[in-house]
C-alpha atoms as a PDB file:
ATOM      1  CA  MET A   1      15.928  27.897  12.919  1.00  0.00           C
ATOM      2  CA  GLN A   2      14.587  24.802  11.235  1.00  0.00           C
ATOM      3  CA  ALA A   3      13.565  25.055   7.582  1.00  0.00           C
ATOM      4  CA  ALA A   4       9.840  24.761   7.001  1.00  0.00           C
ATOM      5  CA  ASN A   5      10.199  21.907   4.562  1.00  0.00           C
ATOM      6  CA  THR A   6      12.534  19.776   6.692  1.00  0.00           C
ATOM      7  CA  VAL A   7      11.054  16.380   7.461  1.00  0.00           C
ATOM      8  CA  LEU A   8      10.862  15.465  11.119  1.00  0.00           C
ATOM      9  CA  ILE A   9      11.743  11.853  11.817  1.00  0.00           C
ATOM     10  CA  GLU A  10      11.441  11.590  15.597  1.00  0.00           C
ATOM     11  CA  GLU A  11       8.495   9.213  15.242  1.00  0.00           C
ATOM     12  CA  ALA A  12      10.084   7.045  12.601  1.00  0.00           C
ATOM     13  CA  GLU A  13      10.883   3.540  13.783  1.00  0.00           C
ATOM     14  CA  PRO A  14      14.131   1.905  12.684  1.00  0.00           C
ATOM     15  CA  ALA A  15      13.830  -0.886  10.190  1.00  0.00           C
ATOM     16  CA  THR A  16      13.756  -4.433  11.436  1.00  0.00           C
ATOM     17  CA  HIS A  17      16.949  -6.001  10.159  1.00  0.00           C
ATOM     18  CA  THR A  18      16.560  -9.594   9.105  1.00  0.00           C
ATOM     19  CA  ASN A  19      18.397 -12.145   7.028  1.00  0.00           C
ATOM     20  CA  ALA A  20      15.094 -13.519   5.765  1.00  0.00           C
ATOM     21  CA  PRO A  21      14.592 -13.365   1.994  1.00  0.00           C
ATOM     22  CA  PRO A  22      12.372 -10.526   0.767  1.00  0.00           C
ATOM     23  CA  LYS A  23       8.635 -11.073   0.550  1.00  0.00           C
ATOM     24  CA  VAL A  24       8.548  -9.238  -2.777  1.00  0.00           C
ATOM     25  CA  SER A  25      11.466  -8.850  -5.158  1.00  0.00           C
ATOM     26  CA  ALA A  26      11.401  -6.708  -8.315  1.00  0.00           C
ATOM     27  CA  ARG A  27      14.178  -6.883 -10.887  1.00  0.00           C
ATOM     28  CA  ASP A  28      14.685  -4.845 -14.063  1.00  0.00           C
ATOM     29  CA  VAL A  29      11.058  -3.692 -14.054  1.00  0.00           C
ATOM     30  CA  CYS A  30      10.213  -1.413 -16.963  1.00  0.00           C
ATOM     31  CA  VAL A  31       6.726  -0.104 -17.727  1.00  0.00           C
ATOM     32  CA  TYR A  32       5.525   1.422 -20.982  1.00  0.00           C
ATOM     33  CA  TYR A  33       2.296   3.248 -21.806  1.00  0.00           C
ATOM     34  CA  GLY A  34       2.266   2.856 -25.559  1.00  0.00           C
ATOM     35  CA  ASP A  35       5.568   4.333 -26.767  1.00  0.00           C
ATOM     36  CA  LYS A  36       6.193   6.256 -23.537  1.00  0.00           C
ATOM     37  CA  GLN A  37       8.372   4.593 -20.918  1.00  0.00           C
ATOM     38  CA  ALA A  38       7.194   5.282 -17.366  1.00  0.00           C
ATOM     39  CA  LEU A  39       9.580   3.096 -15.327  1.00  0.00           C
ATOM     40  CA  PHE A  40      13.223   2.280 -16.002  1.00  0.00           C
ATOM     41  CA  ASP A  41      14.889  -0.904 -14.701  1.00  0.00           C
ATOM     42  CA  VAL A  42      13.544  -0.813 -11.160  1.00  0.00           C
ATOM     43  CA  ASP A  43      15.179  -3.192  -8.654  1.00  0.00           C
ATOM     44  CA  LEU A  44      13.555  -3.250  -5.215  1.00  0.00           C
ATOM     45  CA  ASP A  45      13.190  -5.756  -2.368  1.00  0.00           C
ATOM     46  CA  ILE A  46      10.249  -5.491   0.023  1.00  0.00           C
ATOM     47  CA  HIS A  47      10.477  -7.353   3.324  1.00  0.00           C
ATOM     48  CA  ALA A  48       7.694  -8.974   5.318  1.00  0.00           C
ATOM     49  CA  HIS A  49       6.119  -7.169   8.267  1.00  0.00           C
ATOM     50  CA  GLN A  50       7.552  -3.823   7.296  1.00  0.00           C
ATOM     51  CA  VAL A  51       6.013  -0.712   5.797  1.00  0.00           C
ATOM     52  CA  THR A  52       7.821   0.354   2.645  1.00  0.00           C
ATOM     53  CA  ALA A  53       7.016   3.909   1.536  1.00  0.00           C
ATOM     54  CA  LEU A  54       7.340   4.973  -2.100  1.00  0.00           C
ATOM     55  CA  ILE A  55       7.959   8.713  -2.364  1.00  0.00           C
ATOM     56  CA  GLY A  56       8.709  11.171  -5.154  1.00  0.00           C
ATOM     57  CA  PRO A  57       7.193  14.003  -7.198  1.00  0.00           C
ATOM     58  CA  SER A  58       3.891  13.587  -9.030  1.00  0.00           C
ATOM     59  CA  GLY A  59       4.300  11.520 -12.170  1.00  0.00           C
ATOM     60  CA  CYS A  60       7.565   9.932 -11.035  1.00  0.00           C
ATOM     61  CA  GLY A  61       6.336   6.352 -11.390  1.00  0.00           C
ATOM     62  CA  LYS A  62       5.660   5.373  -7.790  1.00  0.00           C
ATOM     63  CA  SER A  63       1.963   4.513  -8.325  1.00  0.00           C
ATOM     64  CA  THR A  64       2.806   2.792 -11.606  1.00  0.00           C
ATOM     65  CA  PHE A  65       5.267   0.568  -9.734  1.00  0.00           C
ATOM     66  CA  LEU A  66       2.753  -0.094  -6.965  1.00  0.00           C
ATOM     67  CA  ARG A  67       0.193  -1.295  -9.518  1.00  0.00           C
ATOM     68  CA  CYS A  68       2.775  -3.699 -10.950  1.00  0.00           C
ATOM     69  CA  LEU A  69       2.736  -5.622  -7.671  1.00  0.00           C
ATOM     70  CA  ASN A  70      -0.819  -6.916  -8.171  1.00  0.00           C
ATOM     71  CA  ARG A  71      -0.975  -6.564 -11.958  1.00  0.00           C
ATOM     72  CA  MET A  72      -3.478  -3.729 -11.870  1.00  0.00           C
ATOM     73  CA  ASN A  73      -1.669  -2.339 -14.893  1.00  0.00           C
ATOM     74  CA  ASP A  74      -3.086  -5.296 -16.825  1.00  0.00           C
ATOM     75  CA  THR A  75      -6.378  -3.382 -16.914  1.00  0.00           C
ATOM     76  CA  ILE A  76      -4.785  -0.632 -19.056  1.00  0.00           C
ATOM     77  CA  ASP A  77      -4.752  -1.699 -22.718  1.00  0.00           C
ATOM     78  CA  ILE A  78      -1.702   0.319 -23.727  1.00  0.00           C
ATOM     79  CA  CYS A  79       0.369  -0.653 -20.686  1.00  0.00           C
ATOM     80  CA  ARG A  80       3.236  -3.156 -20.994  1.00  0.00           C
ATOM     81  CA  VAL A  81       5.318  -4.439 -18.073  1.00  0.00           C
ATOM     82  CA  GLU A  82       8.760  -6.000 -18.523  1.00  0.00           C
ATOM     83  CA  GLY A  83      11.110  -7.498 -15.969  1.00  0.00           C
ATOM     84  CA  ARG A  84      10.482  -9.883 -13.119  1.00  0.00           C
ATOM     85  CA  ILE A  85       8.446  -9.519  -9.916  1.00  0.00           C
ATOM     86  CA  VAL A  86       8.515 -12.394  -7.485  1.00  0.00           C
ATOM     87  CA  ILE A  87       6.401 -12.957  -4.374  1.00  0.00           C
ATOM     88  CA  ASP A  88       7.725 -15.812  -2.238  1.00  0.00           C
ATOM     89  CA  ASP A  89       9.701 -17.188  -5.201  1.00  0.00           C
ATOM     90  CA  GLU A  90       6.686 -17.129  -7.541  1.00  0.00           C
ATOM     91  CA  ASP A  91       6.905 -14.969 -10.670  1.00  0.00           C
ATOM     92  CA  ILE A  92       3.585 -13.125 -10.579  1.00  0.00           C
ATOM     93  CA  TYR A  93       3.747 -12.444 -14.335  1.00  0.00           C
ATOM     94  CA  ALA A  94       4.133 -16.125 -15.244  1.00  0.00           C
ATOM     95  CA  ARG A  95       1.463 -17.422 -17.621  1.00  0.00           C
ATOM     96  CA  HIS A  96      -0.034 -19.858 -15.118  1.00  0.00           C
ATOM     97  CA  VAL A  97      -0.714 -17.184 -12.465  1.00  0.00           C
ATOM     98  CA  ASP A  98      -4.400 -16.621 -11.698  1.00  0.00           C
ATOM     99  CA  VAL A  99      -4.745 -12.831 -11.500  1.00  0.00           C
ATOM    100  CA  VAL A 100      -7.903 -13.047  -9.359  1.00  0.00           C
ATOM    101  CA  HIS A 101      -6.045 -15.175  -6.819  1.00  0.00           C
ATOM    102  CA  LEU A 102      -3.033 -12.841  -6.997  1.00  0.00           C
ATOM    103  CA  ARG A 103      -5.211  -9.835  -6.147  1.00  0.00           C
ATOM    104  CA  ALA A 104      -6.559 -11.719  -3.140  1.00  0.00           C
ATOM    105  CA  ARG A 105      -2.958 -12.320  -2.000  1.00  0.00           C
ATOM    106  CA  VAL A 106      -2.019  -8.703  -2.729  1.00  0.00           C
ATOM    107  CA  GLY A 107      -4.843  -6.426  -1.600  1.00  0.00           C
ATOM    108  CA  MET A 108      -5.131  -2.770  -2.537  1.00  0.00           C
ATOM    109  CA  VAL A 109      -6.496   0.354  -0.887  1.00  0.00           C
ATOM    110  CA  PHE A 110      -6.986   3.278  -3.233  1.00  0.00           C
ATOM    111  CA  GLN A 111      -6.524   7.018  -2.880  1.00  0.00           C
ATOM    112  CA  LYS A 112     -10.240   7.755  -2.666  1.00  0.00           C
ATOM    113  CA  PRO A 113     -12.373   5.533  -0.418  1.00  0.00           C
ATOM    114  CA  ASN A 114     -14.444   3.314  -2.706  1.00  0.00           C
ATOM    115  CA  PRO A 115     -16.854   1.172  -0.687  1.00  0.00           C
ATOM    116  CA  PHE A 116     -19.256  -0.945  -2.705  1.00  0.00           C
ATOM    117  CA  PRO A 117     -22.881   0.285  -2.844  1.00  0.00           C
ATOM    118  CA  LYS A 118     -23.747  -2.411  -0.336  1.00  0.00           C
ATOM    119  CA  SER A 119     -24.151  -2.708   3.409  1.00  0.00           C
ATOM    120  CA  ILE A 120     -21.150  -2.409   5.715  1.00  0.00           C
ATOM    121  CA  TYR A 121     -21.401  -6.141   6.350  1.00  0.00           C
ATOM    122  CA  ASP A 122     -21.590  -7.065   2.662  1.00  0.00           C
ATOM    123  CA  ASN A 123     -18.628  -4.829   1.811  1.00  0.00           C
ATOM    124  CA  VAL A 124     -16.423  -6.949   4.051  1.00  0.00           C
ATOM    125  CA  ALA A 125     -18.147 -10.278   3.314  1.00  0.00           C
ATOM    126  CA  TYR A 126     -17.939  -9.906  -0.472  1.00  0.00           C
ATOM    127  CA  GLY A 127     -14.378 -11.180  -0.909  1.00  0.00           C
ATOM    128  CA  PRO A 128     -14.620 -14.149   1.477  1.00  0.00           C
ATOM    129  CA  ARG A 129     -17.861 -15.165  -0.276  1.00  0.00           C
ATOM    130  CA  ILE A 130     -16.463 -15.173  -3.811  1.00  0.00           C
ATOM    131  CA  HIS A 131     -13.228 -16.867  -2.727  1.00  0.00           C
ATOM    132  CA  GLY A 132     -15.064 -19.513  -0.677  1.00  0.00           C
ATOM    133  CA  LEU A 133     -13.294 -18.657   2.570  1.00  0.00           C
ATOM    134  CA  ALA A 134     -16.325 -19.245   4.814  1.00  0.00           C
ATOM    135  CA  SER A 135     -18.215 -22.528   5.135  1.00  0.00           C
ATOM    136  CA  GLY A 136     -21.332 -20.948   6.583  1.00  0.00           C
ATOM    137  CA  LYS A 137     -22.989 -17.838   8.009  1.00  0.00           C
ATOM    138  CA  ASP A 138     -21.328 -18.145  11.436  1.00  0.00           C
ATOM    139  CA  GLU A 139     -17.865 -18.380   9.911  1.00  0.00           C
ATOM    140  CA  LEU A 140     -18.593 -15.445   7.609  1.00  0.00           C
ATOM    141  CA  ASP A 141     -19.816 -13.413  10.592  1.00  0.00           C
ATOM    142  CA  ASP A 142     -16.516 -14.154  12.357  1.00  0.00           C
ATOM    143  CA  ILE A 143     -14.475 -13.062   9.344  1.00  0.00           C
ATOM    144  CA  VAL A 144     -16.441  -9.805   9.051  1.00  0.00           C
ATOM    145  CA  GLU A 145     -16.104  -9.010  12.762  1.00  0.00           C
ATOM    146  CA  THR A 146     -12.388  -9.872  12.848  1.00  0.00           C
ATOM    147  CA  SER A 147     -11.678  -7.752   9.776  1.00  0.00           C
ATOM    148  CA  LEU A 148     -13.605  -4.771  11.116  1.00  0.00           C
ATOM    149  CA  ARG A 149     -11.795  -5.106  14.455  1.00  0.00           C
ATOM    150  CA  ARG A 150      -8.405  -5.213  12.735  1.00  0.00           C
ATOM    151  CA  ALA A 151      -9.383  -2.093  10.798  1.00  0.00           C
ATOM    152  CA  GLY A 152     -10.353  -0.341  14.035  1.00  0.00           C
ATOM    153  CA  LEU A 153     -13.958   0.065  12.908  1.00  0.00           C
ATOM    154  CA  TRP A 154     -15.943  -2.603  14.745  1.00  0.00           C
ATOM    155  CA  ASP A 155     -16.951  -0.535  17.775  1.00  0.00           C
ATOM    156  CA  GLU A 156     -18.215   2.253  15.514  1.00  0.00           C
ATOM    157  CA  VAL A 157     -20.337   0.102  13.184  1.00  0.00           C
ATOM    158  CA  LYS A 158     -21.274  -3.107  15.017  1.00  0.00           C
ATOM    159  CA  ASP A 159     -24.850  -1.911  15.597  1.00  0.00           C
ATOM    160  CA  ARG A 160     -25.392  -0.711  12.021  1.00  0.00           C
ATOM    161  CA  ALA A 161     -23.711  -3.337   9.884  1.00  0.00           C
ATOM    162  CA  ALA A 162     -26.815  -3.498   7.663  1.00  0.00           C
ATOM    163  CA  GLU A 163     -26.533   0.200   6.759  1.00  0.00           C
ATOM    164  CA  PRO A 164     -24.836   1.306   3.511  1.00  0.00           C
ATOM    165  CA  GLY A 165     -21.054   1.597   3.646  1.00  0.00           C
ATOM    166  CA  THR A 166     -21.362   4.788   1.618  1.00  0.00           C
ATOM    167  CA  GLY A 167     -23.081   6.428   4.590  1.00  0.00           C
ATOM    168  CA  LEU A 168     -19.911   6.404   6.686  1.00  0.00           C
ATOM    169  CA  SER A 169     -17.534   9.348   7.033  1.00  0.00           C
ATOM    170  CA  GLY A 170     -14.531   9.536   4.710  1.00  0.00           C
ATOM    171  CA  GLY A 171     -12.122   8.147   7.284  1.00  0.00           C
ATOM    172  CA  GLN A 172     -14.531   5.371   8.223  1.00  0.00           C
ATOM    173  CA  GLN A 173     -15.042   4.507   4.554  1.00  0.00           C
ATOM    174  CA  GLN A 174     -11.283   4.150   4.097  1.00  0.00           C
ATOM    175  CA  ARG A 175     -11.055   1.886   7.137  1.00  0.00           C
ATOM    176  CA  LEU A 176     -13.966  -0.117   5.695  1.00  0.00           C
ATOM    177  CA  CYS A 177     -11.961  -0.508   2.476  1.00  0.00           C
ATOM    178  CA  ILE A 178      -9.007  -1.702   4.551  1.00  0.00           C
ATOM    179  CA  ALA A 179     -11.292  -4.190   6.329  1.00  0.00           C
ATOM    180  CA  ARG A 180     -12.533  -5.357   2.927  1.00  0.00           C
ATOM    181  CA  ALA A 181      -8.944  -5.837   1.737  1.00  0.00           C
ATOM    182  CA  ILE A 182      -7.815  -7.846   4.767  1.00  0.00           C
ATOM    183  CA  ALA A 183     -10.965 -10.011   4.898  1.00  0.00           C
ATOM    184  CA  VAL A 184      -9.534 -12.294   2.184  1.00  0.00           C
ATOM    185  CA  GLN A 185      -6.362 -12.868   4.243  1.00  0.00           C
ATOM    186  CA  PRO A 186      -3.867 -11.172   1.911  1.00  0.00           C
ATOM    187  CA  GLU A 187      -0.131 -11.419   2.389  1.00  0.00           C
ATOM    188  CA  VAL A 188       0.634  -7.936   1.068  1.00  0.00           C
ATOM    189  CA  ILE A 189      -1.414  -4.726   1.248  1.00  0.00           C
ATOM    190  CA  LEU A 190      -0.812  -1.944  -1.265  1.00  0.00           C
ATOM    191  CA  MET A 191      -1.946   1.561  -0.329  1.00  0.00           C
ATOM    192  CA  ASP A 192      -2.017   4.307  -2.968  1.00  0.00           C
ATOM    193  CA  GLU A 193      -2.059   7.622  -1.080  1.00  0.00           C
ATOM    194  CA  PRO A 194      -4.735   6.284   1.313  1.00  0.00           C
ATOM    195  CA  CYS A 195      -4.939   9.489   3.360  1.00  0.00           C
ATOM    196  CA  SER A 196      -4.861  12.162   0.661  1.00  0.00           C
ATOM    197  CA  ALA A 197      -8.651  12.651   0.746  1.00  0.00           C
ATOM    198  CA  LEU A 198      -8.896  12.580   4.555  1.00  0.00           C
ATOM    199  CA  ASP A 199      -8.771  15.205   7.294  1.00  0.00           C
ATOM    200  CA  PRO A 200      -5.864  15.223   9.806  1.00  0.00           C
ATOM    201  CA  ILE A 201      -7.767  13.299  12.506  1.00  0.00           C
ATOM    202  CA  ALA A 202      -8.793  10.528  10.092  1.00  0.00           C
ATOM    203  CA  THR A 203      -5.256  10.501   8.680  1.00  0.00           C
ATOM    204  CA  ALA A 204      -3.781   9.970  12.146  1.00  0.00           C
ATOM    205  CA  ARG A 205      -6.151   7.042  12.732  1.00  0.00           C
ATOM    206  CA  ILE A 206      -5.170   5.410   9.429  1.00  0.00           C
ATOM    207  CA  GLU A 207      -1.478   5.876  10.243  1.00  0.00           C
ATOM    208  CA  GLU A 208      -1.961   4.184  13.624  1.00  0.00           C
ATOM    209  CA  LEU A 209      -3.784   1.382  11.845  1.00  0.00           C
ATOM    210  CA  ILE A 210      -0.964   0.919   9.319  1.00  0.00           C
ATOM    211  CA  ASP A 211       1.506   0.468  12.176  1.00  0.00           C
ATOM    212  CA  GLU A 212      -0.751  -2.142  13.799  1.00  0.00           C
ATOM    213  CA  LEU A 213      -1.375  -4.029  10.542  1.00  0.00           C
ATOM    214  CA  ARG A 214       2.286  -4.515   9.686  1.00  0.00           C
ATOM    215  CA  GLU A 215       2.469  -7.126  12.456  1.00  0.00           C
ATOM    216  CA  GLN A 216       0.316  -9.360  10.244  1.00  0.00           C
ATOM    217  CA  PHE A 217       0.890  -8.012   6.735  1.00  0.00           C
ATOM    218  CA  THR A 218       3.549  -6.627   4.440  1.00  0.00           C
ATOM    219  CA  ILE A 219       2.578  -3.070   3.478  1.00  0.00           C
ATOM    220  CA  VAL A 220       3.664  -0.884   0.577  1.00  0.00           C
ATOM    221  CA  ILE A 221       2.384   2.695   0.649  1.00  0.00           C
ATOM    222  CA  VAL A 222       2.617   5.454  -1.936  1.00  0.00           C
ATOM    223  CA  THR A 223       2.451   8.826  -0.246  1.00  0.00           C
ATOM    224  CA  HIS A 224       2.878  12.421  -1.375  1.00  0.00           C
ATOM    225  CA  SER A 225       3.670  13.353   2.233  1.00  0.00           C
ATOM    226  CA  MET A 226       7.285  12.928   3.293  1.00  0.00           C
ATOM    227  CA  GLN A 227       6.198  13.511   6.888  1.00  0.00           C
ATOM    228  CA  GLN A 228       3.807  10.573   6.604  1.00  0.00           C
ATOM    229  CA  ALA A 229       6.503   8.361   5.083  1.00  0.00           C
ATOM    230  CA  ALA A 230       8.791   9.261   7.988  1.00  0.00           C
ATOM    231  CA  ARG A 231       6.079   8.444  10.534  1.00  0.00           C
ATOM    232  CA  VAL A 232       4.781   5.126   9.223  1.00  0.00           C
ATOM    233  CA  SER A 233       7.533   3.364   7.282  1.00  0.00           C
ATOM    234  CA  GLN A 234      10.647   1.369   8.084  1.00  0.00           C
ATOM    235  CA  LYS A 235      11.940   1.445   4.489  1.00  0.00           C
ATOM    236  CA  THR A 236      11.653   4.247   1.928  1.00  0.00           C
ATOM    237  CA  ALA A 237      12.216   4.231  -1.830  1.00  0.00           C
ATOM    238  CA  PHE A 238      12.587   7.505  -3.730  1.00  0.00           C
ATOM    239  CA  PHE A 239      11.467   7.641  -7.360  1.00  0.00           C
ATOM    240  CA  HIS A 240      12.242  10.442  -9.819  1.00  0.00           C
ATOM    241  CA  LEU A 241      11.395  10.582 -13.529  1.00  0.00           C
ATOM    242  CA  GLY A 242      10.621   6.870 -13.614  1.00  0.00           C
ATOM    243  CA  VAL A 243      13.889   5.855 -11.965  1.00  0.00           C
ATOM    244  CA  LEU A 244      14.313   4.335  -8.507  1.00  0.00           C
ATOM    245  CA  VAL A 245      16.983   6.734  -7.317  1.00  0.00           C
ATOM    246  CA  GLU A 246      17.599   5.411  -3.816  1.00  0.00           C
ATOM    247  CA  GLU A 247      16.108   3.077  -1.232  1.00  0.00           C
ATOM    248  CA  GLY A 248      17.014   2.166   2.317  1.00  0.00           C
ATOM    249  CA  ASP A 249      16.059   2.529   5.964  1.00  0.00           C
ATOM    250  CA  THR A 250      13.663   5.440   6.328  1.00  0.00           C
ATOM    251  CA  GLU A 251      15.818   7.258   8.869  1.00  0.00           C
ATOM    252  CA  GLN A 252      18.857   7.025   6.601  1.00  0.00           C
ATOM    253  CA  ILE A 253      16.939   8.252   3.534  1.00  0.00           C
ATOM    254  CA  PHE A 254      15.658  11.313   5.393  1.00  0.00           C
ATOM    255  CA  THR A 255      18.823  12.205   7.314  1.00  0.00           C
ATOM    256  CA  THR A 256      21.783  11.078   5.197  1.00  0.00           C
ATOM    257  CA  PRO A 257      20.597  10.366   1.643  1.00  0.00           C
ATOM    258  CA  LYS A 258      23.317   9.153  -0.683  1.00  0.00           C
ATOM    259  CA  ASP A 259      22.037  10.737  -3.895  1.00  0.00           C
ATOM    260  CA  ASP A 260      21.895  14.474  -4.537  1.00  0.00           C
ATOM    261  CA  ARG A 261      18.445  14.071  -6.154  1.00  0.00           C
ATOM    262  CA  THR A 262      17.072  12.542  -2.954  1.00  0.00           C
ATOM    263  CA  GLN A 263      18.532  15.374  -0.918  1.00  0.00           C
ATOM    264  CA  ALA A 264      17.048  17.925  -3.323  1.00  0.00           C
ATOM    265  CA  TYR A 265      13.579  16.377  -3.059  1.00  0.00           C
ATOM    266  CA  ILE A 266      13.616  16.078   0.715  1.00  0.00           C
ATOM    267  CA  THR A 267      14.708  19.696   1.119  1.00  0.00           C
ATOM    268  CA  GLY A 268      12.118  20.934  -1.365  1.00  0.00           C
ATOM    269  CA  ARG A 269      14.457  21.954  -4.177  1.00  0.00           C
ATOM    270  CA  ILE A 270      12.745  19.570  -6.618  1.00  0.00           C
ATOM    271  CA  GLY A 271       9.222  18.218  -6.604  1.00  0.00           C
END
């Protein structure tokens, strides 16, 4: 009889093996909140057109690491990041880096859907407007429609684009936030537990969407659900107490982990 907390991996897809250099490379990344160290010497490569899942117990550092990838930790006064994070050979913590431009390249979808208090159309159009990505109304209309289509939302909202985004269901709001993120043509999309506030049907739709989006984007997802990590990711990284314990192909992590701590987490002995 199968244990209740065993993770099923039948739906997991094997990682795409490539000799291409990583899209994102982190080396010796340490994060401090005041005197407290939250991450310890994290080394991790993230490859293009794959979903990399970050898993681990609450407070293990996975969301802290995720926020390093678009410098969201800069918004926390007591937070200090050390080490090196490179996207396509550019050190994103170098002094010359424009953080606004970086966050357009590295979009983020948060745990709780957070549409702007604007119309559905203006939620998606906001980023392209401020970044000057559209030369006129027709081009902006095309960007909005394309983004909503990619997010699997166009057919549901095309006749009410002028209505408030906050009037959508929770799952629709999260897809609207995904449309908003991809409207500025990012290279990487970060997702911080994007399904934790959603019902199972909405969660399944977001998971399908993640699989579709990785054809065009590099995706890093923090999830509290090992089952979700097994379903949507090609690579998995396990964090524990601020340390990156183990990373590798998702199937390998869930079936033959190399570290006893990974095995203990997957089988429910820690967490």
